[in-house]
Amino acid sequence: MPADGADKSSARAQEVYDRVNGLTGDERTKALVDLAKQEGTLTIYTSNTDLDKVIKGFEKTYPIEVKVYRGNSESVLQRVVQEQQAHYAGSDLIETNAGELNVMADQNMLYPYEGALRDAVRKEGQANGWTATRFNVFVVGWNTTKVKPGEEPKTFEELADPKWKGLVSLEVGDVDWFAAMYKHYLDQGKTDAEIRDLFDRVVANAKIAKGHTAQGELLSAGQFAVTASSYSHTIDKAADQGAPVSWHPASGTPVQPIVIRPNGVALMKTAPHPAAAMLFVDYELGEGQKILHESFRVGSIPTANDPLAGLTTISVPEKEMLDNPKKWDALYEEIVQSGRENQ
């Protein structure tokens, strides 16, 4: 869509958003369905590998054709930025990770989504310009064949014990988890030197994996005994398929604090199909939460079976990560480098 078309699309989109954001219940749904039928299609850019089931459910419920561009979170961001710079309105909706959504929000590409469903989202997921649909939950996990009941680590600090030499795994890209833990220890009164020493001692026991999926497969295979920062859904999905893995010890109390990071959805300010975009967000935060739960994802709206209920959680320092990404990338890279030497 050329520049003048993109400008018209932006004006129309914002008009629709403003009109519907103030509606609730059946009135809101009817207005969105009527408008979305006229639009006919919806274009989503996403990095969420579990979104296909949500999209299928949406298409069964509403007569809207959904077109999808899928890539990793970095390629989604790159495509959006390039299109915005070219004044091309290619996407209606972005469904990806917090870091990339924060960059888009910071560059004023997104439009606020409002309503009762957003109000029900965990406070950590009511972000500026976008709304969480699910959370990445970083947990200490283990192979139940390698780690017997009662021998599971009770704290992250225990992973610095030499008895775990060669048995721990860290993931090479978990800068967000690292920054959250680092800030947690600072808040507890530890010095930078003390925090660095702790991570150095953990890494001395560790092997470095690339990608949470691959790390989970290696944990299931017994290539190491413990992971410092697995995704809960990776472990839960593997356990459901019979793998000897868990993040819930015999005592029933997981290692805490648990780092959580929201990932979610955002309305593009220039969306050619704004009503369809809003209708999809309503769906993902409604019926879609059940579908995500079936994929072992931790939804953004707590339920009676909330896996985080009663647990101590800490959030990724989003503003710090946005303002100083190179600092945290460099610090974590420096730490995990010594782990690579243990391979």
Protein backbone atom coordinates (compact mmCIF):
# COMPACT_ATOMS: atom_id res chain seq x y z
CA MET A 1 0.00 0.00 0.00
CA PRO A 2 1.62 3.33 -1.07
CA ALA A 3 2.14 6.26 1.29
CA ASP A 4 -1.19 7.99 0.65
CA GLY A 5 -2.99 4.66 1.01
CA ALA A 6 -1.15 3.94 4.24
CA ASP A 7 -2.15 7.34 5.61
CA LYS A 8 -5.82 6.72 4.76
CA SER A 9 -5.56 3.24 6.28
CA SER A 10 -4.12 4.73 9.47
CA ALA A 11 -6.91 7.30 9.77
CA ARG A 12 -9.62 4.69 9.20
CA ALA A 13 -7.99 2.20 11.58
CA GLN A 14 -7.80 4.71 14.40
CA GLU A 15 -11.43 5.69 13.83
CA VAL A 16 -12.49 2.03 14.19
CA TYR A 17 -10.26 1.47 17.22
CA ASP A 18 -11.63 4.52 19.01
CA ARG A 19 -15.21 3.55 18.29
CA VAL A 20 -14.89 -0.07 19.45
CA ASN A 21 -12.55 0.47 22.42
CA GLY A 22 -15.47 2.07 24.25
CA LEU A 23 -17.85 -0.85 23.65
CA THR A 24 -18.36 -3.98 25.74
CA GLY A 25 -20.10 -7.34 25.63
CA ASP A 26 -22.44 -8.32 22.81
CA GLU A 27 -22.57 -4.77 21.48
CA ARG A 28 -18.80 -4.79 20.97
CA THR A 29 -18.75 -8.23 19.37
CA LYS A 30 -21.61 -7.43 16.98
CA ALA A 31 -19.98 -4.16 15.88
CA LEU A 32 -16.65 -5.90 15.27
CA VAL A 33 -18.17 -8.85 13.41
CA ASP A 34 -20.21 -6.57 11.13
CA LEU A 35 -17.17 -4.43 10.29
CA ALA A 36 -14.79 -7.40 10.01
CA LYS A 37 -17.10 -9.15 7.53
CA GLN A 38 -16.83 -6.09 5.30
CA GLU A 39 -13.03 -6.19 5.59
CA GLY A 40 -12.97 -9.91 4.80
CA THR A 41 -9.37 -10.69 5.69
CA LEU A 42 -6.79 -10.30 8.45
CA THR A 43 -3.00 -10.28 8.18
CA ILE A 44 -0.98 -11.39 11.20
CA TYR A 45 2.79 -11.27 11.63
CA THR A 46 3.86 -13.69 14.36
CA SER A 47 6.69 -15.65 15.93
CA ASN A 48 4.32 -17.72 18.10
CA THR A 49 4.57 -21.37 17.04
CA ASP A 50 1.36 -22.23 18.92
CA LEU A 51 -0.79 -19.58 17.23
CA ASP A 52 -1.97 -21.83 14.39
CA LYS A 53 -4.55 -23.54 16.62
CA VAL A 54 -5.89 -20.17 17.75
CA ILE A 55 -6.13 -19.00 14.13
CA LYS A 56 -8.02 -22.17 13.13
CA GLY A 57 -10.45 -21.62 15.98
CA PHE A 58 -10.93 -18.00 14.95
CA GLU A 59 -11.60 -18.92 11.31
CA LYS A 60 -14.15 -21.54 12.39
CA THR A 61 -15.93 -18.95 14.52
CA TYR A 62 -15.85 -15.99 12.12
CA PRO A 63 -15.98 -15.72 8.29
CA ILE A 64 -12.59 -14.02 8.14
CA GLU A 65 -9.65 -15.32 6.11
CA VAL A 66 -6.40 -15.05 8.09
CA LYS A 67 -3.10 -14.58 6.27
CA VAL A 68 0.04 -15.23 8.29
CA TYR A 69 3.68 -14.24 8.03
CA ARG A 70 5.73 -16.30 10.46
CA GLY A 71 9.35 -15.80 11.42
CA ASN A 72 11.41 -15.50 14.55
CA SER A 73 10.78 -12.43 16.68
CA GLU A 74 13.74 -10.54 15.21
CA SER A 75 12.61 -11.10 11.61
CA VAL A 76 9.06 -10.06 12.50
CA LEU A 77 10.38 -6.81 13.94
CA GLN A 78 12.66 -6.22 10.95
CA ARG A 79 9.80 -6.71 8.49
CA VAL A 80 7.49 -4.35 10.39
CA VAL A 81 10.16 -1.64 10.66
CA GLN A 82 11.03 -1.88 6.96
CA GLU A 83 7.37 -1.67 5.93
CA GLN A 84 6.70 1.28 8.21
CA GLN A 85 9.72 3.12 6.82
CA ALA A 86 8.38 2.47 3.30
CA HIS A 87 4.89 3.68 4.35
CA TYR A 88 3.55 0.24 3.48
CA ALA A 89 0.66 -1.05 5.59
CA GLY A 90 1.29 -4.79 5.35
CA SER A 91 0.11 -6.05 8.72
CA ASP A 92 -2.97 -5.63 10.89
CA LEU A 93 -1.75 -7.41 13.97
CA ILE A 94 1.56 -8.40 15.54
CA GLU A 95 1.79 -11.40 17.87
CA THR A 96 5.34 -11.79 19.18
CA ASN A 97 7.76 -11.31 22.08
CA ALA A 98 7.87 -8.49 24.60
CA GLY A 99 11.21 -7.06 23.50
CA GLU A 100 10.18 -6.58 19.89
CA LEU A 101 6.75 -5.25 20.83
CA ASN A 102 8.39 -2.72 23.13
CA VAL A 103 10.54 -1.49 20.24
CA MET A 104 7.45 -1.05 18.06
CA ALA A 105 5.63 0.76 20.86
CA ASP A 106 8.64 2.99 21.40
CA GLN A 107 8.56 3.89 17.69
CA ASN A 108 4.84 4.75 17.88
CA MET A 109 3.71 2.01 15.49
CA LEU A 110 0.98 0.53 17.70
CA TYR A 111 -2.47 1.58 18.86
CA PRO A 112 -3.97 0.94 22.32
CA TYR A 113 -6.33 -1.99 22.75
CA GLU A 114 -8.87 -1.47 25.52
CA GLY A 115 -11.69 -3.46 27.06
CA ALA A 116 -12.74 -5.83 29.81
CA LEU A 117 -10.45 -8.60 28.57
CA ARG A 118 -7.36 -6.41 28.79
CA ASP A 119 -8.42 -5.40 32.30
CA ALA A 120 -8.44 -9.12 33.25
CA VAL A 121 -4.83 -9.67 32.08
CA ARG A 122 -2.13 -10.00 34.75
CA LYS A 123 -0.84 -6.52 35.54
CA GLU A 124 2.61 -7.45 34.21
CA GLY A 125 0.98 -8.02 30.83
CA GLN A 126 -0.87 -4.71 30.49
CA ALA A 127 1.98 -3.10 28.58
CA ASN A 128 2.21 0.27 26.91
CA GLY A 129 0.82 -0.21 23.39
CA TRP A 130 0.30 -3.96 23.55
CA THR A 131 -1.37 -6.66 25.63
CA ALA A 132 0.00 -10.00 26.83
CA THR A 133 -1.67 -13.15 25.55
CA ARG A 134 0.71 -15.57 27.27
CA PHE A 135 3.79 -15.58 29.46
CA ASN A 136 7.15 -17.22 29.05
CA VAL A 137 7.79 -18.75 32.45
CA PHE A 138 11.47 -19.50 33.12
CA VAL A 139 11.86 -22.44 35.50
CA VAL A 140 14.61 -24.64 36.89
CA GLY A 141 13.85 -28.05 35.41
CA TRP A 142 15.46 -31.46 35.69
CA ASN A 143 15.62 -34.97 34.32
CA THR A 144 13.81 -37.15 36.85
CA THR A 145 16.04 -40.12 36.03
CA LYS A 146 19.19 -38.12 36.72
CA VAL A 147 17.81 -36.27 39.75
CA LYS A 148 16.03 -38.48 42.26
CA PRO A 149 13.02 -37.32 44.33
CA GLY A 150 14.22 -35.25 47.26
CA GLU A 151 17.51 -34.39 45.52
CA GLU A 152 16.08 -31.61 43.34
CA PRO A 153 17.65 -28.14 43.72
CA LYS A 154 15.67 -25.89 46.04
CA THR A 155 17.27 -22.61 44.96
CA PHE A 156 19.11 -21.26 41.93
CA GLU A 157 22.16 -20.69 44.15
CA GLU A 158 22.46 -24.45 44.72
CA LEU A 159 23.43 -24.84 41.06
CA ALA A 160 26.77 -23.22 41.96
CA ASP A 161 27.64 -26.26 44.11
CA PRO A 162 30.47 -28.32 42.56
CA LYS A 163 28.29 -31.45 42.89
CA TRP A 164 26.44 -30.20 39.77
CA LYS A 165 29.66 -30.02 37.72
CA GLY A 166 28.84 -30.80 34.09
CA LEU A 167 25.20 -31.44 34.91
CA VAL A 168 23.67 -27.97 34.45
CA SER A 169 22.57 -26.26 31.24
CA LEU A 170 22.12 -22.57 30.44
CA GLU A 171 20.54 -21.27 27.22
CA VAL A 172 22.68 -18.94 25.12
CA GLY A 173 19.93 -16.39 24.40
CA ASP A 174 18.38 -16.03 27.85
CA VAL A 175 19.52 -12.45 28.35
CA ASP A 176 16.06 -11.41 29.57
CA TRP A 177 16.03 -14.11 32.27
CA PHE A 178 19.58 -13.15 33.26
CA ALA A 179 18.73 -9.45 33.55
CA ALA A 180 15.71 -10.25 35.74
CA MET A 181 17.76 -12.47 38.06
CA TYR A 182 20.58 -9.92 38.18
CA LYS A 183 18.17 -7.16 39.21
CA HIS A 184 16.56 -9.50 41.77
CA TYR A 185 19.91 -10.05 43.46
CA LEU A 186 20.70 -6.33 43.39
CA ASP A 187 17.36 -5.68 45.07
CA GLN A 188 18.31 -8.25 47.70
CA GLY A 189 21.41 -6.23 48.52
CA LYS A 190 24.06 -8.26 46.72
CA THR A 191 26.90 -6.37 45.06
CA ASP A 192 27.71 -6.62 41.37
CA ALA A 193 30.83 -8.60 42.28
CA GLU A 194 28.81 -11.07 44.36
CA ILE A 195 26.25 -11.56 41.60
CA ARG A 196 28.94 -12.03 38.99
CA ASP A 197 30.69 -14.57 41.23
CA LEU A 198 27.46 -16.55 41.64
CA PHE A 199 26.83 -16.74 37.91
CA ASP A 200 30.47 -17.60 37.23
CA ARG A 201 30.22 -20.53 39.65
CA VAL A 202 26.96 -21.74 38.09
CA VAL A 203 28.43 -21.48 34.60
CA ALA A 204 31.48 -23.43 35.75
CA ASN A 205 29.08 -26.36 36.20
CA ALA A 206 27.23 -25.74 32.96
CA LYS A 207 26.94 -26.68 29.33
CA ILE A 208 25.50 -24.06 26.97
CA ALA A 209 22.52 -24.96 24.79
CA LYS A 210 21.13 -23.00 21.84
CA GLY A 211 17.35 -22.76 21.79
CA HIS A 212 14.87 -23.86 24.43
CA THR A 213 13.39 -26.59 22.25
CA ALA A 214 16.78 -28.20 21.63
CA GLN A 215 17.69 -27.74 25.29
CA GLY A 216 14.48 -29.48 26.33
CA GLU A 217 15.20 -32.42 24.02
CA LEU A 218 18.70 -32.77 25.47
CA LEU A 219 17.32 -32.63 29.01
CA SER A 220 14.81 -35.36 28.16
CA ALA A 221 17.64 -37.45 26.71
CA GLY A 222 19.71 -37.04 29.88
CA GLN A 223 22.53 -35.03 28.28
CA PHE A 224 22.45 -32.94 31.45
CA ALA A 225 20.54 -33.19 34.70
CA VAL A 226 19.27 -29.66 35.31
CA THR A 227 18.35 -26.60 33.27
CA ALA A 228 18.61 -23.19 34.91
CA SER A 229 15.99 -21.44 32.78
CA SER A 230 13.75 -23.74 30.77
CA TYR A 231 10.37 -22.58 29.55
CA SER A 232 7.70 -24.23 31.70
CA HIS A 233 5.66 -25.12 28.60
CA THR A 234 8.65 -26.92 27.05
CA ILE A 235 9.00 -29.16 30.10
CA ASP A 236 5.26 -29.64 30.61
CA LYS A 237 4.74 -30.62 26.97
CA ALA A 238 7.63 -33.10 27.07
CA ALA A 239 6.41 -34.61 30.36
CA ASP A 240 2.93 -35.02 28.87
CA GLN A 241 4.53 -37.03 26.06
CA GLY A 242 6.27 -39.30 28.56
CA ALA A 243 9.70 -37.67 28.89
CA PRO A 244 11.36 -37.96 32.34
CA VAL A 245 11.35 -34.23 33.08
CA SER A 246 9.73 -31.92 35.62
CA TRP A 247 9.97 -28.55 37.32
CA HIS A 248 7.81 -29.57 40.28
CA PRO A 249 9.85 -31.35 42.99
CA ALA A 250 8.60 -34.05 45.34
CA SER A 251 8.02 -31.32 47.93
CA GLY A 252 5.68 -29.60 45.48
CA THR A 253 7.44 -26.23 45.69
CA PRO A 254 9.40 -25.21 42.55
CA VAL A 255 12.61 -23.19 42.65
CA GLN A 256 11.75 -19.52 43.18
CA PRO A 257 11.72 -16.73 42.23
CA ILE A 258 10.36 -17.62 38.82
CA VAL A 259 11.10 -15.15 36.04
CA ILE A 260 8.09 -14.34 33.88
CA ARG A 261 8.02 -12.36 30.66
CA PRO A 262 4.85 -11.42 28.79
CA ASN A 263 4.53 -12.04 25.09
CA GLY A 264 1.52 -10.73 23.32
CA VAL A 265 -0.45 -8.99 20.69
CA ALA A 266 -0.62 -5.46 19.30
CA LEU A 267 -2.87 -3.56 16.93
CA MET A 268 -1.01 -1.82 14.13
CA LYS A 269 -1.83 1.88 13.90
CA THR A 270 -1.89 1.54 10.09
CA ALA A 271 -3.95 -1.70 9.95
CA PRO A 272 -5.93 -2.08 6.68
CA HIS A 273 -8.34 -4.41 8.55
CA PRO A 274 -8.67 -2.91 12.04
CA ALA A 275 -12.00 -4.48 13.01
CA ALA A 276 -10.76 -7.96 12.13
CA ALA A 277 -7.61 -7.24 14.14
CA MET A 278 -9.59 -6.21 17.23
CA LEU A 279 -11.92 -9.17 16.83
CA PHE A 280 -8.92 -11.50 16.80
CA VAL A 281 -7.48 -9.95 19.97
CA ASP A 282 -10.84 -10.37 21.70
CA TYR A 283 -10.88 -14.01 20.56
CA GLU A 284 -7.32 -14.77 21.67
CA LEU A 285 -7.96 -13.29 25.10
CA GLY A 286 -11.23 -15.22 25.35
CA GLU A 287 -11.60 -18.65 23.77
CA GLY A 288 -7.98 -18.50 22.62
CA GLN A 289 -6.72 -18.71 26.20
CA LYS A 290 -8.16 -22.23 26.46
CA ILE A 291 -6.46 -23.20 23.21
CA LEU A 292 -3.10 -21.84 24.40
CA HIS A 293 -3.54 -23.72 27.69
CA GLU A 294 -3.95 -26.96 25.72
CA SER A 295 -0.46 -26.27 24.32
CA PHE A 296 0.79 -25.93 27.93
CA ARG A 297 1.23 -22.18 27.56
CA VAL A 298 0.69 -19.99 30.61
CA GLY A 299 -2.09 -17.66 29.58
CA SER A 300 -2.15 -13.98 30.38
CA ILE A 301 -5.52 -14.17 32.16
CA PRO A 302 -5.30 -16.19 35.41
CA THR A 303 -7.69 -19.12 35.80
CA ALA A 304 -8.72 -21.40 38.66
CA ASN A 305 -5.83 -23.69 37.64
CA ASP A 306 -3.24 -20.91 37.46
CA PRO A 307 0.21 -22.63 37.49
CA LEU A 308 1.75 -19.51 39.06
CA ALA A 309 -0.71 -19.23 41.95
CA GLY A 310 1.12 -18.88 45.26
CA LEU A 311 4.57 -18.73 43.65
CA THR A 312 7.04 -15.85 43.85
CA THR A 313 7.54 -14.36 40.40
CA ILE A 314 9.75 -11.55 39.14
CA SER A 315 9.47 -9.67 35.87
CA VAL A 316 12.05 -8.92 33.21
CA PRO A 317 13.17 -5.26 33.57
CA GLU A 318 11.64 -4.22 30.25
CA LYS A 319 12.65 -0.55 30.28
CA GLU A 320 16.21 -1.41 31.24
CA MET A 321 16.37 -4.00 28.45
CA LEU A 322 14.98 -1.48 25.96
CA ASP A 323 17.32 1.32 27.05
CA ASN A 324 20.52 -0.73 27.45
CA PRO A 325 20.28 -3.88 25.30
CA LYS A 326 23.98 -3.96 24.39
CA LYS A 327 25.01 -3.81 28.05
CA TRP A 328 23.01 -6.92 28.96
CA ASP A 329 23.88 -8.79 25.76
CA ALA A 330 27.58 -8.21 26.38
CA LEU A 331 27.46 -9.14 30.07
CA TYR A 332 25.56 -12.37 29.50
CA GLU A 333 27.75 -13.28 26.52
CA GLU A 334 30.84 -12.77 28.66
CA ILE A 335 29.44 -15.08 31.33
CA VAL A 336 28.25 -17.88 29.03
CA GLN A 337 31.51 -17.81 27.09
CA SER A 338 33.22 -19.61 29.96
CA GLY A 339 30.43 -22.19 29.79
CA ARG A 340 31.22 -22.84 26.13
CA GLU A 341 34.74 -23.71 27.20
CA ASN A 342 33.24 -26.50 29.34
CA GLN A 343 31.62 -28.17 26.32
